[in-house]
Amino acid sequence: MPIRPHHRWLYPIDWRELSASIRFRRAGGRCEACGRPHGRLVVHLGDGRWWDAERHAWWSGKGRVLRHGPTPEGHGPPGRTTRVVLATAHGDHDPTNNNSSNLAALCQRCHILHDKAEHLRRRRLTYLARRAIGDLFTGPYGH
């Protein structure tokens, strides 16, 4: 996901290079949480399990090989396909903390799961702010 313009100033000027270093040098082009490969089309079941065609194995959403995954039927494994895109995530959700121990290469699924609590927090703040603005103009009794 691109950086929002009003948050751009929080990131260092060399963010693209730093992000590429985390995603491709350190993580080797794979999600550090589940192992999905960047740029590849993977078959997944929607619950985190995905088929690794290189290794001919099903993997969990936590990066573990599954002993008993769904058996491929017909011309390939069942499920939907998704193109994997790696992004660099901040462990503490603070874009000014660019220490390599705070950064992780995550696929879109793992990134959204990592950010879920933060997104819910921001959503609540947005709702409260809208409600407060509404109270300014309508008054306590909606007049």
N, C-alpha and C. Protein backbone atom coordinates (compact mmCIF):
# COMPACT_ATOMS: atom_id res chain seq x y z
N MET A 1 0.85 -1.18 0.00
CA MET A 1 0.00 0.00 0.00
C MET A 1 0.89 1.23 0.00
N PRO A 2 0.60 2.18 -0.86
CA PRO A 2 1.42 3.39 -0.89
C PRO A 2 1.28 4.19 0.41
N ILE A 3 2.30 4.97 0.69
CA ILE A 3 2.28 5.82 1.87
C ILE A 3 1.36 7.00 1.61
N ARG A 4 0.48 7.29 2.55
CA ARG A 4 -0.42 8.43 2.41
C ARG A 4 0.39 9.73 2.41
N PRO A 5 -0.02 10.69 1.58
CA PRO A 5 0.77 11.93 1.47
C PRO A 5 0.98 12.65 2.80
N HIS A 6 -0.02 12.64 3.69
CA HIS A 6 0.14 13.36 4.95
C HIS A 6 1.02 12.60 5.95
N HIS A 7 1.40 11.34 5.64
CA HIS A 7 2.32 10.59 6.49
C HIS A 7 3.72 10.51 5.88
N ARG A 8 3.88 11.00 4.67
CA ARG A 8 5.13 10.87 3.93
C ARG A 8 6.32 11.46 4.69
N TRP A 9 6.10 12.56 5.37
CA TRP A 9 7.21 13.23 6.05
C TRP A 9 7.74 12.42 7.23
N LEU A 10 6.99 11.40 7.70
CA LEU A 10 7.44 10.56 8.82
C LEU A 10 8.51 9.54 8.40
N TYR A 11 8.58 9.25 7.10
CA TYR A 11 9.49 8.23 6.59
C TYR A 11 10.81 8.87 6.16
N PRO A 12 11.91 8.12 6.28
CA PRO A 12 13.20 8.69 5.85
C PRO A 12 13.25 8.84 4.34
N ILE A 13 14.15 9.68 3.88
CA ILE A 13 14.25 9.97 2.46
C ILE A 13 14.65 8.72 1.67
N ASP A 14 15.35 7.79 2.31
CA ASP A 14 15.79 6.57 1.62
C ASP A 14 14.88 5.37 1.93
N TRP A 15 13.60 5.61 2.19
CA TRP A 15 12.67 4.55 2.58
C TRP A 15 12.58 3.45 1.52
N ARG A 16 12.55 3.80 0.24
CA ARG A 16 12.46 2.78 -0.81
C ARG A 16 13.63 1.81 -0.75
N GLU A 17 14.82 2.33 -0.56
CA GLU A 17 16.00 1.49 -0.49
C GLU A 17 16.00 0.64 0.78
N LEU A 18 15.61 1.24 1.90
CA LEU A 18 15.54 0.52 3.17
C LEU A 18 14.50 -0.61 3.09
N SER A 19 13.34 -0.30 2.52
CA SER A 19 12.28 -1.30 2.37
C SER A 19 12.72 -2.44 1.46
N ALA A 20 13.36 -2.12 0.35
CA ALA A 20 13.85 -3.15 -0.57
C ALA A 20 14.90 -4.02 0.11
N SER A 21 15.74 -3.43 0.93
CA SER A 21 16.76 -4.18 1.65
C SER A 21 16.12 -5.19 2.61
N ILE A 22 15.10 -4.77 3.32
CA ILE A 22 14.40 -5.67 4.25
C ILE A 22 13.69 -6.77 3.47
N ARG A 23 12.96 -6.43 2.42
CA ARG A 23 12.14 -7.40 1.69
C ARG A 23 12.96 -8.39 0.88
N PHE A 24 14.02 -7.93 0.23
CA PHE A 24 14.71 -8.80 -0.71
C PHE A 24 16.06 -9.31 -0.23
N ARG A 25 16.80 -8.52 0.53
CA ARG A 25 18.08 -9.02 1.03
C ARG A 25 17.87 -9.85 2.30
N ARG A 26 17.26 -9.23 3.30
CA ARG A 26 17.09 -9.94 4.57
C ARG A 26 16.09 -11.09 4.46
N ALA A 27 14.90 -10.83 3.89
CA ALA A 27 13.84 -11.84 3.84
C ALA A 27 13.94 -12.75 2.61
N GLY A 28 14.81 -12.43 1.69
CA GLY A 28 14.98 -13.27 0.51
C GLY A 28 13.76 -13.31 -0.40
N GLY A 29 12.94 -12.25 -0.38
CA GLY A 29 11.77 -12.19 -1.26
C GLY A 29 10.60 -13.02 -0.78
N ARG A 30 10.59 -13.40 0.50
CA ARG A 30 9.48 -14.18 1.07
C ARG A 30 8.95 -13.48 2.31
N CYS A 31 7.65 -13.64 2.55
CA CYS A 31 7.02 -13.08 3.74
C CYS A 31 7.68 -13.69 4.97
N GLU A 32 8.05 -12.85 5.93
CA GLU A 32 8.72 -13.34 7.13
C GLU A 32 7.75 -13.99 8.11
N ALA A 33 6.45 -13.88 7.87
CA ALA A 33 5.48 -14.51 8.75
C ALA A 33 4.99 -15.85 8.21
N CYS A 34 4.65 -15.90 6.92
CA CYS A 34 4.06 -17.13 6.36
C CYS A 34 4.90 -17.77 5.27
N GLY A 35 5.88 -17.07 4.74
CA GLY A 35 6.77 -17.64 3.74
C GLY A 35 6.34 -17.50 2.29
N ARG A 36 5.24 -16.80 2.02
CA ARG A 36 4.78 -16.65 0.63
C ARG A 36 5.81 -15.87 -0.19
N PRO A 37 6.07 -16.29 -1.43
CA PRO A 37 7.09 -15.63 -2.27
C PRO A 37 6.54 -14.40 -2.99
N HIS A 38 7.31 -13.34 -2.99
CA HIS A 38 6.93 -12.08 -3.63
C HIS A 38 6.75 -12.26 -5.14
N GLY A 39 5.69 -11.66 -5.68
CA GLY A 39 5.46 -11.63 -7.11
C GLY A 39 4.85 -12.88 -7.69
N ARG A 40 4.72 -13.92 -6.91
CA ARG A 40 4.18 -15.19 -7.43
C ARG A 40 2.68 -15.25 -7.25
N LEU A 41 2.07 -16.01 -8.11
CA LEU A 41 0.64 -16.31 -8.01
C LEU A 41 0.53 -17.58 -7.17
N VAL A 42 -0.10 -17.49 -5.98
CA VAL A 42 -0.21 -18.66 -5.11
C VAL A 42 -1.68 -19.06 -4.96
N VAL A 43 -1.89 -20.35 -4.78
CA VAL A 43 -3.22 -20.87 -4.50
C VAL A 43 -3.38 -20.88 -2.99
N HIS A 44 -4.51 -20.37 -2.51
CA HIS A 44 -4.75 -20.33 -1.06
C HIS A 44 -6.19 -20.72 -0.78
N LEU A 45 -6.45 -21.04 0.45
CA LEU A 45 -7.78 -21.49 0.85
C LEU A 45 -8.57 -20.41 1.58
N GLY A 46 -8.01 -19.23 1.75
CA GLY A 46 -8.72 -18.13 2.40
C GLY A 46 -8.55 -18.09 3.90
N ASP A 47 -8.01 -19.15 4.49
CA ASP A 47 -7.82 -19.19 5.94
C ASP A 47 -6.33 -19.13 6.31
N GLY A 48 -5.49 -18.79 5.34
CA GLY A 48 -4.05 -18.70 5.58
C GLY A 48 -3.27 -19.83 4.96
N ARG A 49 -3.90 -20.98 4.74
CA ARG A 49 -3.19 -22.09 4.11
C ARG A 49 -2.96 -21.79 2.64
N TRP A 50 -1.78 -22.13 2.15
CA TRP A 50 -1.44 -21.85 0.75
C TRP A 50 -0.53 -22.94 0.21
N TRP A 51 -0.57 -23.11 -1.11
CA TRP A 51 0.20 -24.14 -1.80
C TRP A 51 1.49 -23.55 -2.33
N ASP A 52 2.61 -24.13 -1.95
CA ASP A 52 3.91 -23.71 -2.45
C ASP A 52 4.29 -24.65 -3.59
N ALA A 53 4.16 -24.16 -4.82
CA ALA A 53 4.43 -24.99 -6.01
C ALA A 53 5.90 -25.38 -6.10
N GLU A 54 6.81 -24.53 -5.63
CA GLU A 54 8.25 -24.85 -5.67
C GLU A 54 8.57 -26.05 -4.79
N ARG A 55 7.98 -26.07 -3.62
CA ARG A 55 8.29 -27.12 -2.64
C ARG A 55 7.26 -28.25 -2.63
N HIS A 56 6.22 -28.10 -3.44
CA HIS A 56 5.15 -29.09 -3.53
C HIS A 56 4.60 -29.45 -2.15
N ALA A 57 4.19 -28.39 -1.41
CA ALA A 57 3.67 -28.60 -0.06
C ALA A 57 2.67 -27.51 0.29
N TRP A 58 1.75 -27.85 1.19
CA TRP A 58 0.83 -26.88 1.75
C TRP A 58 1.48 -26.26 2.97
N TRP A 59 1.30 -24.96 3.14
CA TRP A 59 1.86 -24.23 4.27
C TRP A 59 0.73 -23.58 5.04
N SER A 60 0.93 -23.41 6.35
CA SER A 60 -0.05 -22.72 7.18
C SER A 60 0.17 -21.22 7.04
N GLY A 61 -0.74 -20.45 7.57
CA GLY A 61 -0.59 -19.00 7.57
C GLY A 61 0.48 -18.53 8.53
N LYS A 62 1.06 -19.46 9.31
CA LYS A 62 2.11 -19.12 10.26
C LYS A 62 3.48 -19.60 9.80
N GLY A 63 3.57 -20.03 8.52
CA GLY A 63 4.85 -20.42 7.96
C GLY A 63 5.31 -21.82 8.28
N ARG A 64 4.38 -22.72 8.58
CA ARG A 64 4.74 -24.10 8.88
C ARG A 64 4.21 -25.01 7.77
N VAL A 65 4.99 -26.05 7.44
CA VAL A 65 4.55 -27.03 6.46
C VAL A 65 3.44 -27.86 7.09
N LEU A 66 2.38 -28.09 6.32
CA LEU A 66 1.27 -28.92 6.80
C LEU A 66 1.47 -30.35 6.33
N ARG A 67 1.34 -31.27 7.24
CA ARG A 67 1.48 -32.69 6.88
C ARG A 67 0.29 -33.17 6.08
N HIS A 68 -0.90 -32.72 6.45
CA HIS A 68 -2.13 -33.20 5.82
C HIS A 68 -2.91 -32.02 5.26
N GLY A 69 -2.50 -31.52 4.12
CA GLY A 69 -3.22 -30.45 3.46
C GLY A 69 -4.26 -31.03 2.53
N PRO A 70 -5.06 -30.19 1.93
CA PRO A 70 -6.03 -30.66 0.94
C PRO A 70 -5.31 -31.36 -0.20
N THR A 71 -5.85 -32.45 -0.65
CA THR A 71 -5.21 -33.17 -1.75
C THR A 71 -5.55 -32.51 -3.07
N PRO A 72 -4.55 -32.31 -3.92
CA PRO A 72 -4.82 -31.73 -5.24
C PRO A 72 -5.74 -32.63 -6.04
N GLU A 73 -6.80 -32.04 -6.56
CA GLU A 73 -7.75 -32.79 -7.37
C GLU A 73 -7.73 -32.24 -8.79
N GLY A 74 -7.84 -33.11 -9.76
CA GLY A 74 -7.90 -32.65 -11.15
C GLY A 74 -6.57 -32.09 -11.61
N HIS A 75 -6.59 -30.81 -12.02
CA HIS A 75 -5.41 -30.21 -12.63
C HIS A 75 -4.60 -29.34 -11.69
N GLY A 76 -4.84 -29.41 -10.40
CA GLY A 76 -4.07 -28.61 -9.47
C GLY A 76 -4.78 -28.50 -8.15
N PRO A 77 -4.15 -27.86 -7.19
CA PRO A 77 -4.74 -27.75 -5.87
C PRO A 77 -6.01 -26.88 -5.88
N PRO A 78 -6.97 -27.17 -4.98
CA PRO A 78 -8.19 -26.37 -4.92
C PRO A 78 -7.90 -25.01 -4.29
N GLY A 79 -8.79 -24.06 -4.50
CA GLY A 79 -8.65 -22.77 -3.85
C GLY A 79 -8.66 -21.62 -4.83
N ARG A 80 -8.39 -20.43 -4.30
CA ARG A 80 -8.32 -19.21 -5.10
C ARG A 80 -6.86 -18.83 -5.28
N THR A 81 -6.62 -17.99 -6.26
CA THR A 81 -5.24 -17.54 -6.50
C THR A 81 -5.10 -16.06 -6.14
N THR A 82 -3.92 -15.72 -5.67
CA THR A 82 -3.59 -14.34 -5.31
C THR A 82 -2.15 -14.08 -5.69
N ARG A 83 -1.89 -12.90 -6.24
CA ARG A 83 -0.52 -12.49 -6.50
C ARG A 83 0.03 -11.89 -5.21
N VAL A 84 1.16 -12.40 -4.76
CA VAL A 84 1.76 -11.98 -3.49
C VAL A 84 2.57 -10.71 -3.70
N VAL A 85 2.36 -9.73 -2.83
CA VAL A 85 3.12 -8.49 -2.86
C VAL A 85 3.67 -8.25 -1.45
N LEU A 86 5.00 -8.18 -1.35
CA LEU A 86 5.62 -7.92 -0.06
C LEU A 86 5.68 -6.42 0.21
N ALA A 87 5.48 -6.06 1.47
CA ALA A 87 5.65 -4.68 1.92
C ALA A 87 6.43 -4.74 3.22
N THR A 88 7.01 -3.62 3.60
CA THR A 88 7.75 -3.55 4.86
C THR A 88 6.84 -2.95 5.91
N ALA A 89 6.67 -3.68 7.01
CA ALA A 89 5.79 -3.25 8.09
C ALA A 89 6.61 -2.84 9.30
N HIS A 90 6.09 -1.88 10.05
CA HIS A 90 6.70 -1.46 11.31
C HIS A 90 6.08 -2.27 12.44
N GLY A 91 6.91 -2.95 13.21
CA GLY A 91 6.42 -3.78 14.31
C GLY A 91 5.63 -3.00 15.34
N ASP A 92 6.06 -1.79 15.65
CA ASP A 92 5.37 -0.98 16.66
C ASP A 92 4.42 0.06 16.05
N HIS A 93 4.20 0.00 14.74
CA HIS A 93 3.30 0.90 14.01
C HIS A 93 3.78 2.35 14.02
N ASP A 94 5.04 2.57 14.36
CA ASP A 94 5.60 3.93 14.39
C ASP A 94 6.51 4.10 13.18
N PRO A 95 6.06 4.87 12.16
CA PRO A 95 6.87 5.01 10.95
C PRO A 95 8.19 5.75 11.14
N THR A 96 8.40 6.35 12.31
CA THR A 96 9.68 7.02 12.56
C THR A 96 10.71 6.05 13.14
N ASN A 97 10.27 4.87 13.59
CA ASN A 97 11.18 3.87 14.16
C ASN A 97 11.59 2.90 13.05
N ASN A 98 12.69 3.20 12.38
CA ASN A 98 13.14 2.41 11.24
C ASN A 98 14.32 1.52 11.57
N ASN A 99 14.42 1.13 12.82
CA ASN A 99 15.44 0.17 13.23
C ASN A 99 15.12 -1.16 12.55
N SER A 100 16.12 -1.85 12.03
CA SER A 100 15.85 -3.08 11.28
C SER A 100 15.15 -4.14 12.13
N SER A 101 15.36 -4.12 13.46
CA SER A 101 14.67 -5.08 14.32
C SER A 101 13.18 -4.77 14.45
N ASN A 102 12.77 -3.55 14.08
CA ASN A 102 11.36 -3.15 14.13
C ASN A 102 10.65 -3.34 12.79
N LEU A 103 11.40 -3.68 11.75
CA LEU A 103 10.83 -3.81 10.41
C LEU A 103 10.70 -5.28 10.02
N ALA A 104 9.65 -5.59 9.26
CA ALA A 104 9.43 -6.96 8.80
C ALA A 104 8.88 -6.93 7.38
N ALA A 105 9.30 -7.90 6.57
CA ALA A 105 8.77 -8.07 5.22
C ALA A 105 7.54 -8.95 5.33
N LEU A 106 6.37 -8.39 5.01
CA LEU A 106 5.12 -9.13 5.14
C LEU A 106 4.32 -9.09 3.84
N CYS A 107 3.65 -10.21 3.52
CA CYS A 107 2.73 -10.22 2.38
C CYS A 107 1.48 -9.44 2.77
N GLN A 108 0.61 -9.20 1.80
CA GLN A 108 -0.55 -8.37 2.07
C GLN A 108 -1.45 -8.98 3.15
N ARG A 109 -1.60 -10.29 3.19
CA ARG A 109 -2.44 -10.94 4.19
C ARG A 109 -1.85 -10.75 5.59
N CYS A 110 -0.58 -11.06 5.75
CA CYS A 110 0.07 -10.94 7.06
C CYS A 110 0.15 -9.49 7.52
N HIS A 111 0.35 -8.57 6.58
CA HIS A 111 0.44 -7.15 6.91
C HIS A 111 -0.90 -6.64 7.45
N ILE A 112 -2.00 -7.01 6.81
CA ILE A 112 -3.30 -6.54 7.28
C ILE A 112 -3.64 -7.16 8.63
N LEU A 113 -3.25 -8.42 8.85
CA LEU A 113 -3.47 -9.04 10.16
C LEU A 113 -2.62 -8.37 11.23
N HIS A 114 -1.38 -8.02 10.89
CA HIS A 114 -0.49 -7.34 11.82
C HIS A 114 -1.06 -5.96 12.21
N ASP A 115 -1.63 -5.26 11.23
CA ASP A 115 -2.13 -3.91 11.46
C ASP A 115 -3.58 -3.85 11.95
N LYS A 116 -4.25 -4.98 12.13
CA LYS A 116 -5.68 -5.00 12.45
C LYS A 116 -6.02 -4.15 13.68
N ALA A 117 -5.33 -4.35 14.78
CA ALA A 117 -5.63 -3.60 16.01
C ALA A 117 -5.41 -2.11 15.81
N GLU A 118 -4.35 -1.74 15.09
CA GLU A 118 -4.07 -0.33 14.82
C GLU A 118 -5.14 0.28 13.93
N HIS A 119 -5.60 -0.46 12.92
CA HIS A 119 -6.67 0.04 12.04
C HIS A 119 -7.96 0.24 12.83
N LEU A 120 -8.28 -0.69 13.72
CA LEU A 120 -9.49 -0.55 14.55
C LEU A 120 -9.38 0.66 15.48
N ARG A 121 -8.19 0.89 16.03
CA ARG A 121 -7.97 2.05 16.90
C ARG A 121 -8.18 3.35 16.14
N ARG A 122 -7.58 3.44 14.94
CA ARG A 122 -7.73 4.65 14.13
C ARG A 122 -9.17 4.85 13.68
N ARG A 123 -9.85 3.75 13.34
CA ARG A 123 -11.25 3.83 12.92
C ARG A 123 -12.11 4.40 14.05
N ARG A 124 -11.87 3.92 15.27
CA ARG A 124 -12.62 4.43 16.43
C ARG A 124 -12.37 5.92 16.63
N LEU A 125 -11.12 6.36 16.50
CA LEU A 125 -10.80 7.78 16.64
C LEU A 125 -11.50 8.61 15.56
N THR A 126 -11.55 8.08 14.34
CA THR A 126 -12.23 8.79 13.25
C THR A 126 -13.72 8.93 13.55
N TYR A 127 -14.36 7.85 14.01
CA TYR A 127 -15.79 7.92 14.36
C TYR A 127 -16.04 8.92 15.48
N LEU A 128 -15.18 8.90 16.50
CA LEU A 128 -15.35 9.84 17.61
C LEU A 128 -15.18 11.28 17.15
N ALA A 129 -14.21 11.52 16.27
CA ALA A 129 -13.99 12.88 15.76
C ALA A 129 -15.19 13.35 14.94
N ARG A 130 -15.74 12.47 14.10
CA ARG A 130 -16.91 12.84 13.30
C ARG A 130 -18.10 13.14 14.20
N ARG A 131 -18.26 12.33 15.24
CA ARG A 131 -19.37 12.55 16.17
C ARG A 131 -19.21 13.87 16.91
N ALA A 132 -17.98 14.19 17.30
CA ALA A 132 -17.72 15.44 17.99
C ALA A 132 -18.01 16.64 17.10
N ILE A 133 -17.62 16.55 15.84
CA ILE A 133 -17.90 17.64 14.89
C ILE A 133 -19.39 17.78 14.69
N GLY A 134 -20.10 16.66 14.61
CA GLY A 134 -21.54 16.70 14.48
C GLY A 134 -22.20 17.36 15.67
N ASP A 135 -21.69 17.09 16.87
CA ASP A 135 -22.24 17.71 18.08
C ASP A 135 -22.02 19.21 18.09
N LEU A 136 -20.92 19.68 17.51
CA LEU A 136 -20.66 21.12 17.44
C LEU A 136 -21.73 21.86 16.64
N PHE A 137 -22.19 21.22 15.56
CA PHE A 137 -23.12 21.90 14.67
C PHE A 137 -24.57 21.60 14.94
N THR A 138 -24.88 20.48 15.54
CA THR A 138 -26.28 20.14 15.78
C THR A 138 -26.70 20.34 17.21
N GLY A 139 -25.76 20.45 18.14
CA GLY A 139 -26.11 20.60 19.54
C GLY A 139 -26.42 19.27 20.17
N PRO A 140 -26.59 19.27 21.49
CA PRO A 140 -26.80 18.01 22.20
C PRO A 140 -28.14 17.35 21.90
N TYR A 141 -29.11 18.10 21.42
CA TYR A 141 -30.44 17.54 21.19
C TYR A 141 -30.78 17.41 19.71
N GLY A 142 -29.78 17.55 18.86
CA GLY A 142 -29.99 17.37 17.42
C GLY A 142 -30.72 18.52 16.74
N HIS A 143 -30.75 19.70 17.36
CA HIS A 143 -31.44 20.88 16.77
C HIS A 143 -30.56 21.64 15.84
